[in-house]
């Protein structure tokens, strides 16, 4: 079942690239969240997208008002190696086991391929989804759309 704009974002807890548990609900009342699902670490389009987010982060999220959180089905160890290689400072979460459970909860899991689609959810401080976009696996997302969505919060 897909998560829709205006609905409450499903809470979850996953480990980041350092093994630290991260709960979506920990940001409630404090920060907006840009939740970015991607298929696989070390792949070309995913690396390009997350490097663009890394490089554009200050213009995307402003003054600590918004937290970027990225999620894929890769293991925590793959996430860590990739994050260190690319210099990602935002949490990169492992939806490894049960495989793709969080991606399924958001309606962005590709059952045939066993990976997440390119789904992005902008979640406000109250935990409500304010914007979403879901792209096919080969199609990169447009950072200008992120800016527009965040400006509307």
N, C-alpha and C. Protein backbone atom coordinates (compact mmCIF):
# COMPACT_ATOMS: atom_id res chain seq x y z
N UNK A 1 0.85 -1.19 0.00
CA UNK A 1 0.00 0.00 0.00
C UNK A 1 0.88 1.24 0.00
N UNK A 2 0.62 2.15 -0.88
CA UNK A 2 1.44 3.35 -1.01
C UNK A 2 1.09 4.39 0.05
N UNK A 3 2.11 5.14 0.46
CA UNK A 3 1.92 6.26 1.36
C UNK A 3 1.54 7.46 0.49
N UNK A 4 0.50 8.17 0.89
CA UNK A 4 0.02 9.29 0.08
C UNK A 4 0.25 10.63 0.78
N UNK A 5 0.30 11.68 -0.03
CA UNK A 5 0.43 13.04 0.49
C UNK A 5 -0.76 13.32 1.40
N UNK A 6 -0.49 13.89 2.57
CA UNK A 6 -1.52 14.18 3.55
C UNK A 6 -1.65 13.10 4.61
N UNK A 7 -1.07 11.93 4.35
CA UNK A 7 -1.10 10.84 5.32
C UNK A 7 0.09 10.90 6.26
N UNK A 8 -0.04 10.21 7.38
CA UNK A 8 1.06 10.14 8.34
C UNK A 8 2.09 9.14 7.83
N UNK A 9 3.35 9.55 7.84
CA UNK A 9 4.43 8.69 7.39
C UNK A 9 4.60 7.52 8.36
N UNK A 10 4.66 6.30 7.86
CA UNK A 10 4.86 5.14 8.74
C UNK A 10 6.19 5.27 9.50
N UNK A 11 6.15 5.05 10.79
CA UNK A 11 7.37 5.10 11.59
C UNK A 11 8.18 3.84 11.33
N UNK A 12 9.46 3.93 11.52
CA UNK A 12 10.35 2.78 11.36
C UNK A 12 11.62 3.04 12.15
N UNK A 13 12.37 1.97 12.37
CA UNK A 13 13.71 2.07 12.95
C UNK A 13 14.63 1.18 12.13
N UNK A 14 15.70 1.77 11.60
CA UNK A 14 16.72 1.06 10.86
C UNK A 14 18.09 1.52 11.33
N UNK A 15 19.11 0.72 11.08
CA UNK A 15 20.48 1.11 11.44
C UNK A 15 21.09 1.92 10.31
N UNK A 16 21.83 2.96 10.73
CA UNK A 16 22.54 3.76 9.73
C UNK A 16 23.87 3.11 9.37
N UNK A 17 24.65 3.80 8.58
CA UNK A 17 25.91 3.26 8.08
C UNK A 17 26.93 3.00 9.18
N UNK A 18 26.67 3.50 10.39
CA UNK A 18 27.57 3.27 11.52
C UNK A 18 26.99 2.29 12.54
N UNK A 19 25.83 1.74 12.23
CA UNK A 19 25.19 0.79 13.13
C UNK A 19 24.31 1.43 14.18
N UNK A 20 24.11 2.74 14.09
CA UNK A 20 23.28 3.46 15.05
C UNK A 20 21.82 3.39 14.62
N UNK A 21 20.93 2.98 15.52
CA UNK A 21 19.50 2.95 15.16
C UNK A 21 18.97 4.36 14.93
N UNK A 22 18.19 4.52 13.88
CA UNK A 22 17.55 5.79 13.55
C UNK A 22 16.06 5.52 13.42
N UNK A 23 15.27 6.29 14.17
CA UNK A 23 13.81 6.20 14.10
C UNK A 23 13.28 7.44 13.43
N UNK A 24 12.38 7.26 12.50
CA UNK A 24 11.76 8.42 11.85
C UNK A 24 11.09 9.32 12.88
N UNK A 25 10.42 8.74 13.85
CA UNK A 25 9.68 9.52 14.85
C UNK A 25 10.60 10.37 15.72
N UNK A 26 11.90 10.08 15.75
CA UNK A 26 12.82 10.91 16.52
C UNK A 26 12.91 12.34 15.98
N UNK A 27 12.54 12.55 14.73
CA UNK A 27 12.61 13.88 14.13
C UNK A 27 11.32 14.68 14.34
N UNK A 28 10.25 14.01 14.79
CA UNK A 28 8.97 14.70 14.98
C UNK A 28 9.10 15.83 16.00
N UNK A 29 8.48 16.92 15.66
CA UNK A 29 8.52 18.09 16.53
C UNK A 29 9.79 18.91 16.38
N UNK A 30 10.79 18.38 15.67
CA UNK A 30 12.05 19.09 15.55
C UNK A 30 12.45 19.44 14.13
N UNK A 31 12.40 18.45 13.25
CA UNK A 31 12.89 18.66 11.89
C UNK A 31 11.96 18.03 10.86
N UNK A 32 11.91 18.66 9.70
CA UNK A 32 11.31 18.04 8.52
C UNK A 32 12.28 16.95 8.07
N UNK A 33 11.78 15.99 7.32
CA UNK A 33 12.63 14.90 6.82
C UNK A 33 12.42 14.75 5.31
N UNK A 34 13.53 14.66 4.59
CA UNK A 34 13.50 14.25 3.19
C UNK A 34 13.95 12.79 3.19
N UNK A 35 12.99 11.90 3.00
CA UNK A 35 13.24 10.46 3.03
C UNK A 35 13.44 9.98 1.59
N UNK A 36 14.66 9.52 1.29
CA UNK A 36 15.06 9.18 -0.07
C UNK A 36 15.32 7.68 -0.16
N UNK A 37 14.46 6.96 -0.85
CA UNK A 37 14.70 5.54 -1.13
C UNK A 37 15.47 5.43 -2.44
N UNK A 38 16.46 4.53 -2.47
CA UNK A 38 17.23 4.32 -3.69
C UNK A 38 17.50 2.83 -3.85
N UNK A 39 17.72 2.37 -5.09
CA UNK A 39 17.87 0.92 -5.31
C UNK A 39 19.10 0.31 -4.66
N UNK A 40 20.30 0.74 -5.03
CA UNK A 40 21.50 0.07 -4.55
C UNK A 40 22.69 1.01 -4.43
N UNK A 41 23.44 0.85 -3.36
CA UNK A 41 24.70 1.58 -3.19
C UNK A 41 25.66 1.19 -4.31
N UNK A 42 26.56 2.08 -4.60
CA UNK A 42 27.62 1.88 -5.59
C UNK A 42 27.13 1.85 -7.04
N UNK A 43 25.85 2.02 -7.29
CA UNK A 43 25.37 2.05 -8.67
C UNK A 43 25.44 3.49 -9.18
N UNK A 44 25.54 3.64 -10.48
CA UNK A 44 25.81 4.94 -11.09
C UNK A 44 24.77 6.01 -10.80
N UNK A 45 23.50 5.72 -11.09
CA UNK A 45 22.46 6.74 -10.90
C UNK A 45 22.30 7.06 -9.41
N UNK A 46 22.34 6.05 -8.55
CA UNK A 46 22.20 6.27 -7.11
C UNK A 46 23.34 7.15 -6.59
N UNK A 47 24.56 6.84 -7.01
CA UNK A 47 25.70 7.64 -6.57
C UNK A 47 25.54 9.07 -7.04
N UNK A 48 25.16 9.25 -8.29
CA UNK A 48 24.96 10.61 -8.82
C UNK A 48 23.90 11.38 -8.05
N UNK A 49 22.78 10.72 -7.77
CA UNK A 49 21.70 11.38 -7.03
C UNK A 49 22.13 11.78 -5.62
N UNK A 50 22.72 10.83 -4.89
CA UNK A 50 23.09 11.14 -3.51
C UNK A 50 24.26 12.11 -3.43
N UNK A 51 25.16 12.08 -4.41
CA UNK A 51 26.23 13.09 -4.45
C UNK A 51 25.63 14.47 -4.72
N UNK A 52 24.62 14.55 -5.57
CA UNK A 52 23.95 15.83 -5.81
C UNK A 52 23.28 16.32 -4.54
N UNK A 53 22.64 15.43 -3.80
CA UNK A 53 22.03 15.82 -2.52
C UNK A 53 23.12 16.28 -1.55
N UNK A 54 24.22 15.51 -1.47
CA UNK A 54 25.34 15.89 -0.60
C UNK A 54 25.84 17.29 -0.95
N UNK A 55 26.04 17.56 -2.24
CA UNK A 55 26.61 18.82 -2.68
C UNK A 55 25.63 19.98 -2.57
N UNK A 56 24.34 19.69 -2.73
CA UNK A 56 23.32 20.74 -2.69
C UNK A 56 22.62 20.83 -1.34
N UNK A 57 23.05 20.02 -0.39
CA UNK A 57 22.38 19.95 0.91
C UNK A 57 22.12 21.31 1.54
N UNK A 58 23.10 22.21 1.60
CA UNK A 58 22.82 23.50 2.23
C UNK A 58 21.68 24.27 1.56
N UNK A 59 21.56 24.20 0.24
CA UNK A 59 20.48 24.92 -0.43
C UNK A 59 19.17 24.16 -0.36
N UNK A 60 19.24 22.86 -0.12
CA UNK A 60 18.02 22.06 -0.03
C UNK A 60 17.36 22.15 1.34
N UNK A 61 18.16 22.06 2.39
CA UNK A 61 17.57 21.88 3.71
C UNK A 61 17.65 23.09 4.62
N UNK A 62 18.39 24.11 4.29
CA UNK A 62 18.41 25.31 5.11
C UNK A 62 19.14 25.14 6.42
N UNK A 63 18.71 25.89 7.40
CA UNK A 63 19.40 26.00 8.69
C UNK A 63 18.97 24.92 9.68
N UNK A 64 19.38 23.70 9.46
CA UNK A 64 19.07 22.59 10.36
C UNK A 64 17.56 22.39 10.57
N UNK A 65 16.77 22.82 9.60
CA UNK A 65 15.34 22.62 9.69
C UNK A 65 14.90 21.28 9.13
N UNK A 66 15.75 20.70 8.28
CA UNK A 66 15.39 19.49 7.55
C UNK A 66 16.53 18.50 7.58
N UNK A 67 16.17 17.23 7.74
CA UNK A 67 17.15 16.14 7.76
C UNK A 67 16.95 15.25 6.54
N UNK A 68 18.01 15.01 5.79
CA UNK A 68 17.97 14.03 4.72
C UNK A 68 18.25 12.66 5.33
N UNK A 69 17.44 11.66 4.95
CA UNK A 69 17.64 10.28 5.37
C UNK A 69 17.49 9.42 4.12
N UNK A 70 18.53 8.66 3.79
CA UNK A 70 18.51 7.80 2.60
C UNK A 70 18.36 6.35 3.02
N UNK A 71 17.65 5.55 2.22
CA UNK A 71 17.36 4.15 2.57
C UNK A 71 17.49 3.25 1.34
N UNK A 72 18.19 2.13 1.51
CA UNK A 72 18.19 1.08 0.48
C UNK A 72 18.26 -0.28 1.16
N UNK A 73 18.14 -1.33 0.36
CA UNK A 73 18.16 -2.68 0.91
C UNK A 73 19.57 -3.21 1.15
N UNK A 74 20.60 -2.40 0.87
CA UNK A 74 21.98 -2.83 1.10
C UNK A 74 22.23 -3.06 2.59
N UNK A 75 23.25 -3.85 2.90
CA UNK A 75 23.62 -4.07 4.29
C UNK A 75 24.26 -2.81 4.88
N UNK A 76 24.29 -2.74 6.18
CA UNK A 76 24.93 -1.63 6.88
C UNK A 76 26.39 -1.51 6.46
N UNK A 77 27.05 -2.62 6.22
CA UNK A 77 28.47 -2.61 5.88
C UNK A 77 28.69 -2.01 4.49
N UNK A 78 27.83 -2.35 3.55
CA UNK A 78 27.91 -1.74 2.21
C UNK A 78 27.61 -0.25 2.30
N UNK A 79 26.59 0.11 3.09
CA UNK A 79 26.24 1.52 3.26
C UNK A 79 27.41 2.31 3.83
N UNK A 80 28.10 1.73 4.79
CA UNK A 80 29.23 2.43 5.41
C UNK A 80 30.37 2.63 4.42
N UNK A 81 30.74 1.58 3.70
CA UNK A 81 31.82 1.70 2.71
C UNK A 81 31.49 2.75 1.66
N UNK A 82 30.26 2.72 1.18
CA UNK A 82 29.82 3.66 0.15
C UNK A 82 29.77 5.08 0.69
N UNK A 83 29.21 5.26 1.90
CA UNK A 83 29.12 6.59 2.52
C UNK A 83 30.49 7.19 2.75
N UNK A 84 31.43 6.37 3.22
CA UNK A 84 32.79 6.87 3.44
C UNK A 84 33.46 7.23 2.12
N UNK A 85 33.27 6.40 1.10
CA UNK A 85 33.86 6.67 -0.20
C UNK A 85 33.34 7.97 -0.79
N UNK A 86 32.04 8.23 -0.63
CA UNK A 86 31.40 9.39 -1.25
C UNK A 86 31.28 10.61 -0.32
N UNK A 87 31.59 10.45 0.95
CA UNK A 87 31.52 11.57 1.88
C UNK A 87 30.11 11.96 2.29
N UNK A 88 29.20 10.98 2.38
CA UNK A 88 27.83 11.27 2.82
C UNK A 88 27.82 11.43 4.33
N UNK A 89 27.33 12.56 4.80
CA UNK A 89 27.25 12.81 6.24
C UNK A 89 25.86 12.61 6.79
N UNK A 90 24.86 12.50 5.93
CA UNK A 90 23.49 12.23 6.37
C UNK A 90 23.35 10.72 6.61
N UNK A 91 22.34 10.31 7.38
CA UNK A 91 22.15 8.88 7.63
C UNK A 91 21.80 8.13 6.34
N UNK A 92 22.48 7.02 6.12
CA UNK A 92 22.18 6.11 5.02
C UNK A 92 21.78 4.79 5.69
N UNK A 93 20.50 4.47 5.60
CA UNK A 93 19.93 3.37 6.39
C UNK A 93 19.83 2.08 5.60
N UNK A 94 20.02 0.98 6.32
CA UNK A 94 19.97 -0.36 5.74
C UNK A 94 18.62 -1.02 5.99
N UNK A 95 17.84 -1.12 4.94
CA UNK A 95 16.54 -1.82 4.96
C UNK A 95 16.78 -3.27 4.54
N UNK A 96 17.79 -3.86 5.17
CA UNK A 96 18.35 -5.15 4.76
C UNK A 96 17.51 -6.33 5.24
N UNK A 97 17.12 -6.30 6.53
CA UNK A 97 16.36 -7.43 7.06
C UNK A 97 15.37 -6.97 8.10
N UNK A 98 14.12 -7.37 8.01
CA UNK A 98 13.54 -8.11 6.91
C UNK A 98 13.67 -7.31 5.60
N UNK A 99 14.09 -7.98 4.57
CA UNK A 99 14.48 -7.37 3.31
C UNK A 99 13.39 -6.47 2.73
N UNK A 100 13.70 -5.15 2.68
CA UNK A 100 12.80 -4.20 2.06
C UNK A 100 11.54 -3.88 2.83
N UNK A 101 11.50 -4.19 4.10
CA UNK A 101 10.27 -4.00 4.89
C UNK A 101 9.82 -2.53 4.91
N UNK A 102 10.75 -1.61 5.08
CA UNK A 102 10.37 -0.19 5.14
C UNK A 102 9.96 0.30 3.75
N UNK A 103 10.70 -0.10 2.72
CA UNK A 103 10.32 0.27 1.35
C UNK A 103 8.91 -0.24 1.04
N UNK A 104 8.59 -1.45 1.48
CA UNK A 104 7.24 -1.99 1.28
C UNK A 104 6.20 -1.12 1.99
N UNK A 105 6.51 -0.71 3.22
CA UNK A 105 5.57 0.11 3.99
C UNK A 105 5.27 1.43 3.29
N UNK A 106 6.21 1.92 2.51
CA UNK A 106 6.03 3.18 1.78
C UNK A 106 5.54 2.95 0.35
N UNK A 107 5.38 1.69 -0.05
CA UNK A 107 4.87 1.38 -1.38
C UNK A 107 5.88 1.57 -2.49
N UNK A 108 7.19 1.47 -2.17
CA UNK A 108 8.22 1.70 -3.18
C UNK A 108 9.16 0.51 -3.35
N UNK A 109 8.71 -0.68 -2.98
CA UNK A 109 9.56 -1.86 -3.13
C UNK A 109 9.21 -2.57 -4.43
N UNK A 110 10.22 -2.85 -5.26
CA UNK A 110 10.05 -3.59 -6.49
C UNK A 110 10.25 -5.07 -6.18
N UNK A 111 9.16 -5.80 -6.07
CA UNK A 111 9.20 -7.22 -5.69
C UNK A 111 10.00 -8.07 -6.69
N UNK A 112 9.90 -7.75 -7.95
CA UNK A 112 10.59 -8.53 -8.98
C UNK A 112 12.11 -8.39 -8.88
N UNK A 113 12.58 -7.17 -8.62
CA UNK A 113 14.02 -6.92 -8.56
C UNK A 113 14.59 -6.99 -7.14
N UNK A 114 13.73 -6.90 -6.14
CA UNK A 114 14.19 -6.99 -4.76
C UNK A 114 14.87 -5.75 -4.24
N UNK A 115 14.55 -4.58 -4.84
CA UNK A 115 15.14 -3.31 -4.42
C UNK A 115 14.05 -2.24 -4.36
N UNK A 116 14.40 -1.11 -3.76
CA UNK A 116 13.47 0.01 -3.70
C UNK A 116 13.47 0.77 -5.02
N UNK A 117 12.32 1.31 -5.37
CA UNK A 117 12.24 2.27 -6.46
C UNK A 117 12.84 3.59 -5.96
N UNK A 118 12.95 4.56 -6.83
CA UNK A 118 13.46 5.88 -6.45
C UNK A 118 12.30 6.71 -5.89
N UNK A 119 11.99 6.48 -4.63
CA UNK A 119 10.90 7.19 -3.98
C UNK A 119 11.43 8.24 -3.02
N UNK A 120 10.85 9.42 -3.06
CA UNK A 120 11.21 10.49 -2.13
C UNK A 120 9.95 11.00 -1.46
N UNK A 121 10.03 11.17 -0.14
CA UNK A 121 8.91 11.66 0.66
C UNK A 121 9.41 12.83 1.49
N UNK A 122 8.75 13.98 1.36
CA UNK A 122 9.04 15.12 2.23
C UNK A 122 8.02 15.06 3.35
N UNK A 123 8.54 14.93 4.57
CA UNK A 123 7.71 14.73 5.76
C UNK A 123 7.89 15.92 6.69
N UNK A 124 6.78 16.53 7.10
CA UNK A 124 6.90 17.71 7.96
C UNK A 124 7.18 17.33 9.40
N UNK A 125 7.35 18.33 10.24
CA UNK A 125 7.71 18.13 11.65
C UNK A 125 6.67 17.32 12.43
N UNK A 126 5.46 17.29 11.92
CA UNK A 126 4.39 16.54 12.59
C UNK A 126 4.28 15.11 12.08
N UNK A 127 5.13 14.74 11.12
CA UNK A 127 5.12 13.38 10.60
C UNK A 127 4.16 13.17 9.44
N UNK A 128 3.69 14.25 8.83
CA UNK A 128 2.75 14.16 7.71
C UNK A 128 3.52 14.30 6.40
N UNK A 129 3.19 13.43 5.45
CA UNK A 129 3.81 13.49 4.12
C UNK A 129 3.23 14.70 3.38
N UNK A 130 4.11 15.61 2.98
CA UNK A 130 3.69 16.83 2.29
C UNK A 130 3.97 16.80 0.80
N UNK A 131 4.85 15.90 0.37
CA UNK A 131 5.20 15.78 -1.05
C UNK A 131 5.83 14.43 -1.27
N UNK A 132 5.60 13.87 -2.46
CA UNK A 132 6.26 12.61 -2.80
C UNK A 132 6.45 12.53 -4.30
N UNK A 133 7.46 11.79 -4.67
CA UNK A 133 7.69 11.46 -6.07
C UNK A 133 8.27 10.05 -6.09
N UNK A 134 7.82 9.24 -7.04
CA UNK A 134 8.34 7.89 -7.20
C UNK A 134 8.73 7.73 -8.67
N UNK A 135 10.01 7.48 -8.88
CA UNK A 135 10.53 7.28 -10.23
C UNK A 135 10.91 5.82 -10.43
N UNK A 136 10.91 5.41 -11.68
CA UNK A 136 11.38 4.07 -12.02
C UNK A 136 12.87 3.96 -11.70
N UNK A 137 13.36 2.76 -11.57
CA UNK A 137 14.74 2.53 -11.17
C UNK A 137 15.76 3.28 -12.03
N UNK A 138 15.62 3.33 -13.35
CA UNK A 138 16.66 4.03 -14.12
C UNK A 138 16.53 5.56 -14.16
N UNK A 139 15.44 6.11 -13.62
CA UNK A 139 15.16 7.54 -13.77
C UNK A 139 15.54 8.36 -12.54
N UNK A 140 16.55 9.22 -12.68
CA UNK A 140 16.99 10.08 -11.59
C UNK A 140 15.92 11.12 -11.26
N UNK A 141 15.95 11.57 -10.02
CA UNK A 141 15.02 12.60 -9.56
C UNK A 141 15.60 13.99 -9.81
N UNK A 142 14.73 14.99 -9.83
CA UNK A 142 15.10 16.38 -10.09
C UNK A 142 15.20 17.15 -8.78
N UNK A 143 16.42 17.65 -8.47
CA UNK A 143 16.61 18.37 -7.21
C UNK A 143 15.78 19.65 -7.13
N UNK A 144 15.45 20.25 -8.26
CA UNK A 144 14.62 21.45 -8.23
C UNK A 144 13.25 21.15 -7.65
N UNK A 145 12.76 19.94 -7.86
CA UNK A 145 11.47 19.56 -7.28
C UNK A 145 11.56 19.46 -5.75
N UNK A 146 12.70 19.01 -5.24
CA UNK A 146 12.92 18.97 -3.79
C UNK A 146 12.82 20.40 -3.24
N UNK A 147 13.53 21.31 -3.90
CA UNK A 147 13.53 22.72 -3.44
C UNK A 147 12.12 23.27 -3.36
N UNK A 148 11.32 23.04 -4.39
CA UNK A 148 9.94 23.54 -4.40
C UNK A 148 9.13 22.94 -3.25
N UNK A 149 9.28 21.65 -3.04
CA UNK A 149 8.53 20.98 -1.98
C UNK A 149 8.94 21.51 -0.62
N UNK A 150 10.24 21.69 -0.39
CA UNK A 150 10.71 22.18 0.91
C UNK A 150 10.33 23.64 1.12
N UNK A 151 10.29 24.42 0.07
CA UNK A 151 9.91 25.84 0.19
C UNK A 151 8.46 25.98 0.63
N UNK A 152 7.65 24.97 0.33
CA UNK A 152 6.23 25.05 0.67
C UNK A 152 5.94 24.68 2.13
N UNK A 153 6.94 24.19 2.86
CA UNK A 153 6.71 23.80 4.26
C UNK A 153 6.63 25.02 5.17
